[in-house]
Amino acid sequence: MVIKSRAVVASGRGQPVEVVSIGIPEPGPGEVLVRVQACGVCHTDLHYREGGIGDDFPFLLGHEAAGVVEATGPGVTEVGENDFVVLNWRAVCGTCRACSRGRPWYCFDTGKAEQPMVMGDGTVLSPALGIGAFSERTLVHAGQCTKVDPAARPAVVSLLGCGVMAGVGAAINTAQVSRGDSVAVIGCGGVGDGSIMGARLAGASRIIAVDTDPTKLKWAEEFGATHAVNALEVDAVSGIKSLTGGHGADVVIDAVGRPETFQQAFYARDLAGTAVLVGVPTPELELRLPLIDVFARGGAIKSSWYGDCLPSRDFPVLADLYLQGRLPLEKFVTEEIALDQVEEAFVKMERGEVLRSVVVF
């Protein structure tokens, strides 16, 4: 039996998205049908619409989601009907060389649903990050479902599915920020503010927000930034160094993902400090650094994939911290919108007017 669902689809590069009816098969082995309750509008979805991630149009957009399990396929034991879950795009296989070495957050063979979701004419859809959650329902791999406390508000904890987790994880998992560290975050959108929140949670003593938008710098302070640098008024590297005794920060996180911002992160860290790239660059971008500077400055240069998270470990903990009032996830939700407002939300995102628009079903 084919299940019908209203969904947001990107039909071609740069074209406005449409709300259409799609067909979803009943879950097969290892698959789960999820009734989506909320899905954040993430910059990655815009990258898909613009063709920056691939050309496998049409794309079924949406991936930062929470919902309830409606049905499971044969062999599914991780979740059951009526479980409240946050969706993730790291369904670890458990057997690849990363998993077998005890590093499942680097899994090289993450799972996704085998059966396709389709347009009304039978055209196969490419679900964003293997999820496709701008839809009343979606079909995913069982490992893409992580159970969290059902007391959590879907519009809030859905954001753990991508941007917030990427940011928090960049600080805690990748950079391993410690008590008393100084941390600078370049780019104060959703991922950057997640990094600020993660640094605060880890006990950083000084957290420096860097952006060109005064509104975003103000938002960053609400998530725990102790200092702000407006990069339109002050050179970012000089600004960070002036706030760290002239030395630079112990950790600098680039949440933008451009060569110029990563160079700033590289040079704004203290000797033997850590620079982390968590902002996602587009394929044509290239980085040039003098190799002698890489050698002489020491420390570490890291990229953070999805905040190096393990959803089964990290999502429930962060959801619990939110419910305890110790993690202000609700501050990321700028607005709640309907499914047919996604295109408008993309415009607001590009203008820097929102941290997150969240589609609520």
Protein backbone atom coordinates (compact mmCIF):
# COMPACT_ATOMS: atom_id res chain seq x y z
CA MET A 1 0.00 0.00 0.00
CA VAL A 2 1.25 3.49 -0.89
CA ILE A 3 0.83 6.19 1.75
CA LYS A 4 0.09 9.69 0.48
CA SER A 5 1.74 12.73 2.04
CA ARG A 6 2.03 16.47 1.38
CA ALA A 7 5.67 17.42 1.05
CA VAL A 8 8.09 20.16 -0.04
CA VAL A 9 10.03 19.29 -3.19
CA ALA A 10 12.82 21.11 -5.03
CA SER A 11 12.32 20.25 -8.70
CA GLY A 12 15.35 21.99 -10.23
CA ARG A 13 18.42 24.05 -9.48
CA GLY A 14 17.49 27.44 -8.05
CA GLN A 15 13.76 26.96 -8.62
CA PRO A 16 11.25 27.84 -5.87
CA VAL A 17 10.16 24.82 -3.88
CA GLU A 18 6.65 23.39 -4.24
CA VAL A 19 4.24 21.59 -1.94
CA VAL A 20 3.12 18.43 -3.73
CA SER A 21 1.58 15.07 -2.99
CA ILE A 22 4.08 12.21 -2.78
CA GLY A 23 3.82 8.45 -2.33
CA ILE A 24 5.55 6.56 0.49
CA PRO A 25 5.74 2.76 0.63
CA GLU A 26 4.99 0.80 3.78
CA PRO A 27 8.21 0.19 5.74
CA GLY A 28 10.29 -2.75 4.64
CA PRO A 29 13.04 -4.57 6.55
CA GLY A 30 14.93 -2.18 8.79
CA GLU A 31 12.70 0.78 7.85
CA VAL A 32 10.45 3.05 9.88
CA LEU A 33 7.51 5.27 8.92
CA VAL A 34 7.53 8.49 10.95
CA ARG A 35 4.71 11.00 11.31
CA VAL A 36 6.64 14.24 11.32
CA GLN A 37 5.62 16.78 13.98
CA ALA A 38 8.22 19.48 13.36
CA CYS A 39 11.12 20.14 10.99
CA GLY A 40 13.60 23.02 11.06
CA VAL A 41 14.50 24.99 7.94
CA CYS A 42 18.27 24.46 7.71
CA HIS A 43 20.76 26.12 5.38
CA THR A 44 21.61 22.67 4.05
CA ASP A 45 18.13 22.46 2.54
CA LEU A 46 18.81 25.69 0.69
CA HIS A 47 22.11 24.22 -0.55
CA TYR A 48 20.13 21.28 -1.94
CA ARG A 49 17.68 23.62 -3.70
CA GLU A 50 20.57 25.57 -5.23
CA GLY A 51 22.32 22.41 -6.46
CA GLY A 52 25.26 22.91 -4.11
CA ILE A 53 25.15 19.35 -2.78
CA GLY A 54 24.17 17.34 -5.86
CA ASP A 55 22.14 17.21 -9.05
CA ASP A 56 19.79 14.37 -8.12
CA PHE A 57 16.66 16.44 -8.52
CA PRO A 58 13.88 16.32 -7.51
CA PHE A 59 14.88 16.59 -3.86
CA LEU A 60 12.52 15.92 -0.98
CA LEU A 61 13.79 18.57 1.42
CA GLY A 62 13.88 18.69 5.22
CA HIS A 63 16.06 16.73 7.63
CA GLU A 64 16.07 18.49 11.03
CA ALA A 65 13.02 16.77 12.42
CA ALA A 66 11.14 15.16 15.28
CA GLY A 67 8.04 13.02 15.18
CA VAL A 68 6.27 9.83 16.21
CA VAL A 69 6.84 6.33 14.85
CA GLU A 70 3.73 5.14 13.03
CA ALA A 71 4.93 1.80 11.71
CA THR A 72 8.05 -0.36 11.61
CA GLY A 73 9.29 -2.91 9.13
CA PRO A 74 10.51 -6.44 9.78
CA GLY A 75 13.56 -6.74 12.02
CA VAL A 76 13.27 -3.29 13.61
CA THR A 77 14.02 -3.44 17.33
CA GLU A 78 15.46 0.03 18.06
CA VAL A 79 12.07 1.75 18.11
CA GLY A 80 8.40 0.83 18.22
CA GLU A 81 5.05 2.37 17.33
CA ASN A 82 4.25 5.64 19.14
CA ASP A 83 7.87 6.27 20.17
CA PHE A 84 8.82 9.96 20.07
CA VAL A 85 12.01 10.32 18.03
CA VAL A 86 14.44 12.87 16.70
CA LEU A 87 15.68 11.98 13.21
CA ASN A 88 19.39 11.89 12.39
CA TRP A 89 21.54 11.38 9.32
CA ARG A 90 24.11 9.19 11.05
CA ALA A 91 22.58 5.73 11.27
CA VAL A 92 25.77 3.91 12.24
CA CYS A 93 26.35 0.50 10.70
CA GLY A 94 28.32 -0.98 13.61
CA THR A 95 30.64 -2.97 11.36
CA CYS A 96 32.73 -0.59 9.19
CA ARG A 97 36.36 0.13 10.04
CA ALA A 98 35.41 3.24 12.06
CA CYS A 99 32.71 1.47 14.04
CA SER A 100 34.90 -1.59 14.65
CA ARG A 101 37.62 0.69 16.07
CA GLY A 102 35.18 2.25 18.53
CA ARG A 103 34.66 5.48 16.58
CA PRO A 104 31.08 5.18 15.32
CA TRP A 105 30.75 8.97 14.94
CA TYR A 106 33.01 8.53 11.88
CA CYS A 107 30.88 5.68 10.45
CA PHE A 108 31.65 5.21 6.75
CA ASP A 109 28.51 3.26 5.89
CA THR A 110 25.56 5.04 7.49
CA GLY A 111 22.16 3.63 6.64
CA LYS A 112 19.08 5.04 4.97
CA ALA A 113 15.78 3.61 3.76
CA GLU A 114 16.12 1.30 0.76
CA GLN A 115 12.68 1.91 -0.74
CA PRO A 116 12.16 5.17 -2.61
CA MET A 117 9.55 7.82 -1.98
CA VAL A 118 8.07 9.05 -5.26
CA MET A 119 6.24 11.91 -6.99
CA GLY A 120 2.70 11.40 -8.24
CA ASP A 121 4.01 10.35 -11.67
CA GLY A 122 6.40 7.79 -10.15
CA THR A 123 9.55 9.94 -10.35
CA VAL A 124 11.91 8.87 -7.58
CA LEU A 125 12.69 11.53 -4.98
CA SER A 126 16.11 12.13 -3.41
CA PRO A 127 15.50 12.75 0.31
CA ALA A 128 17.78 15.39 1.82
CA LEU A 129 20.46 13.65 3.92
CA GLY A 130 18.47 10.44 3.53
CA ILE A 131 15.56 11.86 5.54
CA GLY A 132 13.18 14.15 3.58
CA ALA A 133 11.13 15.52 6.48
CA PHE A 134 9.36 18.54 4.99
CA SER A 135 6.56 16.04 4.70
CA GLU A 136 3.64 14.90 6.82
CA ARG A 137 5.29 11.48 6.87
CA THR A 138 8.66 10.12 5.83
CA LEU A 139 10.36 6.75 5.47
CA VAL A 140 13.76 6.34 7.13
CA HIS A 141 16.24 3.72 8.29
CA ALA A 142 15.54 2.54 11.83
CA GLY A 143 18.99 3.76 12.88
CA GLN A 144 17.97 7.29 11.88
CA CYS A 145 15.45 7.38 14.73
CA THR A 146 16.66 8.31 18.22
CA LYS A 147 14.21 8.09 21.11
CA VAL A 148 14.10 11.10 23.45
CA ASP A 149 11.83 12.10 26.33
CA PRO A 150 8.33 12.70 24.86
CA ALA A 151 7.89 15.63 27.26
CA ALA A 152 10.16 17.68 24.99
CA ARG A 153 8.49 20.06 22.54
CA PRO A 154 8.91 18.75 18.96
CA ALA A 155 9.65 22.20 17.45
CA VAL A 156 12.53 22.60 19.89
CA VAL A 157 14.20 19.18 20.01
CA SER A 158 13.83 18.72 16.24
CA LEU A 159 16.79 21.12 15.97
CA LEU A 160 19.04 18.53 17.59
CA GLY A 161 18.74 16.66 14.29
CA CYS A 162 21.25 18.92 12.55
CA GLY A 163 22.28 22.52 13.24
CA VAL A 164 22.23 22.67 17.03
CA MET A 165 23.92 19.29 17.37
CA ALA A 166 26.56 20.29 14.82
CA GLY A 167 27.37 23.40 16.85
CA VAL A 168 27.25 21.91 20.34
CA GLY A 169 29.23 18.90 19.14
CA ALA A 170 31.89 21.06 17.47
CA ALA A 171 32.66 22.58 20.87
CA ILE A 172 32.23 19.54 23.12
CA ASN A 173 33.08 16.55 20.93
CA THR A 174 35.46 17.89 18.29
CA ALA A 175 37.29 20.73 20.05
CA GLN A 176 36.86 19.10 23.48
CA VAL A 177 36.54 22.48 25.16
CA SER A 178 37.58 22.24 28.82
CA ARG A 179 36.81 24.27 31.92
CA GLY A 180 38.60 27.60 31.78
CA ASP A 181 39.32 27.55 28.04
CA SER A 182 38.91 30.64 25.91
CA VAL A 183 36.73 30.03 22.84
CA ALA A 184 35.96 32.19 19.80
CA VAL A 185 33.16 31.40 17.37
CA ILE A 186 33.13 32.97 13.91
CA GLY A 187 29.62 33.17 12.48
CA CYS A 188 26.69 33.43 14.87
CA GLY A 189 23.85 31.71 13.05
CA GLY A 190 22.25 28.52 14.33
CA VAL A 191 25.41 26.40 14.21
CA GLY A 192 27.61 29.15 15.65
CA ASP A 193 25.21 29.80 18.52
CA GLY A 194 25.11 26.06 19.14
CA SER A 195 28.90 26.15 19.46
CA ILE A 196 28.63 29.06 21.91
CA MET A 197 26.06 27.16 23.95
CA GLY A 198 28.28 24.05 23.90
CA ALA A 199 31.32 26.04 25.03
CA ARG A 200 29.32 27.49 27.90
CA LEU A 201 28.07 24.02 28.87
CA ALA A 202 31.68 22.77 28.89
CA GLY A 203 32.77 25.57 31.25
CA ALA A 204 34.69 27.90 28.95
CA SER A 205 35.79 31.02 30.81
CA ARG A 206 35.68 33.43 27.87
CA ILE A 207 33.45 32.98 24.83
CA ILE A 208 33.93 35.46 21.99
CA ALA A 209 31.24 35.82 19.32
CA VAL A 210 32.36 37.14 15.92
CA ASP A 211 29.96 38.29 13.23
CA THR A 212 29.19 41.24 10.97
CA ASP A 213 25.55 41.51 12.06
CA PRO A 214 24.79 43.34 15.33
CA THR A 215 21.53 41.42 15.72
CA LYS A 216 23.33 38.09 15.52
CA LEU A 217 25.91 39.28 18.04
CA LYS A 218 23.07 40.16 20.40
CA TRP A 219 21.57 36.69 19.91
CA ALA A 220 24.98 35.15 20.62
CA GLU A 221 25.07 36.82 24.03
CA GLU A 222 21.77 35.13 24.90
CA PHE A 223 23.44 31.75 24.29
CA GLY A 224 26.44 32.51 26.51
CA ALA A 225 28.90 34.71 24.63
CA THR A 226 30.82 36.87 27.09
CA HIS A 227 32.31 39.20 24.45
CA ALA A 228 31.41 40.25 20.91
CA VAL A 229 33.52 41.32 17.92
CA ASN A 230 31.84 43.05 15.00
CA ALA A 231 34.05 42.03 12.08
CA LEU A 232 32.84 45.01 10.04
CA GLU A 233 34.35 47.36 12.59
CA VAL A 234 37.36 45.40 13.86
CA ASP A 235 39.62 42.85 12.20
CA ALA A 236 38.40 39.51 13.53
CA VAL A 237 41.86 38.16 14.38
CA SER A 238 42.92 41.37 16.12
CA GLY A 239 39.63 41.54 17.96
CA ILE A 240 39.96 38.00 19.30
CA LYS A 241 43.57 38.52 20.32
CA SER A 242 42.79 41.78 22.10
CA LEU A 243 40.30 39.88 24.27
CA THR A 244 42.74 37.07 25.08
CA GLY A 245 45.80 38.97 26.30
CA GLY A 246 47.21 39.23 22.78
CA HIS A 247 47.67 35.46 22.53
CA GLY A 248 44.58 34.21 20.76
CA ALA A 249 41.88 31.80 21.91
CA ASP A 250 42.47 28.21 22.95
CA VAL A 251 39.75 27.14 20.51
CA VAL A 252 38.41 28.99 17.46
CA ILE A 253 35.40 27.54 15.66
CA ASP A 254 34.56 28.57 12.08
CA ALA A 255 30.80 28.20 11.72
CA VAL A 256 30.74 29.93 8.31
CA GLY A 257 32.83 27.66 6.10
CA ARG A 258 34.67 30.04 3.80
CA PRO A 259 38.44 30.30 3.15
CA GLU A 260 38.65 33.77 4.67
CA THR A 261 36.84 32.81 7.86
CA PHE A 262 38.88 29.65 8.29
CA GLN A 263 42.08 31.66 7.86
CA GLN A 264 40.81 33.93 10.61
CA ALA A 265 40.17 30.89 12.82
CA PHE A 266 43.65 29.56 12.08
CA TYR A 267 45.44 32.79 12.98
CA ALA A 268 43.18 33.81 15.87
CA ARG A 269 44.06 30.77 17.99
CA ASP A 270 46.81 30.69 20.56
CA LEU A 271 50.00 28.76 19.85
CA ALA A 272 49.12 25.06 20.00
CA GLY A 273 45.44 26.04 19.96
CA THR A 274 42.69 24.30 18.02
CA ALA A 275 40.88 25.52 14.91
CA VAL A 276 37.64 23.72 14.05
CA LEU A 277 35.72 23.94 10.77
CA VAL A 278 32.03 23.16 11.24
CA GLY A 279 30.51 25.52 8.64
CA VAL A 280 29.96 23.57 5.42
CA PRO A 281 31.88 24.95 2.42
CA THR A 282 30.66 24.67 -1.15
CA PRO A 283 32.70 22.42 -3.47
CA GLU A 284 34.51 25.14 -5.43
CA LEU A 285 36.13 26.81 -2.40
CA GLU A 286 39.86 26.36 -1.81
CA LEU A 287 42.12 27.20 1.12
CA ARG A 288 45.70 28.44 0.92
CA LEU A 289 47.93 28.58 4.00
CA PRO A 290 51.72 28.93 4.25
CA LEU A 291 52.92 25.49 5.27
CA ILE A 292 55.51 27.04 7.57
CA ASP A 293 52.66 28.65 9.54
CA VAL A 294 50.91 25.30 9.90
CA PHE A 295 54.16 23.85 11.23
CA ALA A 296 55.21 26.77 13.42
CA ARG A 297 51.89 27.41 15.15
CA GLY A 298 51.36 23.80 16.20
CA GLY A 299 48.10 22.71 17.70
CA ALA A 300 45.31 21.10 15.73
CA ILE A 301 43.19 21.80 12.67
CA LYS A 302 39.98 19.79 12.69
CA SER A 303 36.80 19.46 10.70
CA SER A 304 33.64 18.60 12.58
CA TRP A 305 31.20 16.28 10.81
CA TYR A 306 27.79 16.70 12.41
CA GLY A 307 29.52 17.77 15.61
CA ASP A 308 31.19 14.34 15.71
CA CYS A 309 28.00 13.24 17.40
CA LEU A 310 26.65 9.81 18.19
CA PRO A 311 22.88 10.40 18.15
CA SER A 312 22.03 7.53 20.48
CA ARG A 313 24.46 8.98 23.03
CA ASP A 314 24.03 12.72 22.53
CA PHE A 315 20.39 13.42 21.61
CA PRO A 316 18.78 12.05 24.81
CA VAL A 317 21.30 13.85 27.02
CA LEU A 318 20.78 17.21 25.32
CA ALA A 319 17.00 16.77 25.35
CA ASP A 320 17.15 16.07 29.09
CA LEU A 321 19.32 19.14 29.70
CA TYR A 322 16.74 21.20 27.82
CA LEU A 323 13.91 19.80 29.95
CA GLN A 324 15.92 20.60 33.08
CA GLY A 325 16.27 24.22 31.97
CA ARG A 326 20.03 23.91 31.57
CA LEU A 327 20.14 24.15 27.77
CA PRO A 328 18.08 26.98 26.20
CA LEU A 329 17.20 25.20 22.98
CA GLU A 330 13.91 27.09 22.72
CA LYS A 331 15.81 30.31 21.96
CA PHE A 332 16.77 28.91 18.54
CA VAL A 333 13.14 28.83 17.39
CA THR A 334 12.50 32.25 15.85
CA GLU A 335 9.16 31.30 14.30
CA GLU A 336 6.86 28.35 13.71
CA ILE A 337 5.51 28.12 10.16
CA ALA A 338 3.31 26.01 7.90
CA LEU A 339 4.57 23.65 5.22
CA ASP A 340 3.76 26.09 2.41
CA GLN A 341 5.96 28.80 3.97
CA VAL A 342 9.34 27.07 3.44
CA GLU A 343 10.28 29.19 0.41
CA GLU A 344 9.57 32.34 2.40
CA ALA A 345 11.66 30.95 5.25
CA PHE A 346 14.62 30.53 2.86
CA VAL A 347 14.42 34.25 2.04
CA LYS A 348 14.37 35.18 5.73
CA MET A 349 17.33 32.89 6.34
CA GLU A 350 19.41 34.51 3.60
CA ARG A 351 18.59 37.94 5.01
CA GLY A 352 19.73 36.87 8.47
CA GLU A 353 16.32 37.57 9.98
CA VAL A 354 15.90 34.23 11.75
CA LEU A 355 17.91 31.67 13.65
CA ARG A 356 15.45 28.92 12.80
CA SER A 357 12.08 28.79 11.15
CA VAL A 358 10.43 25.52 12.13
CA VAL A 359 7.67 23.83 10.15
CA VAL A 360 5.07 22.50 12.58
CA PHE A 361 2.53 19.94 11.41
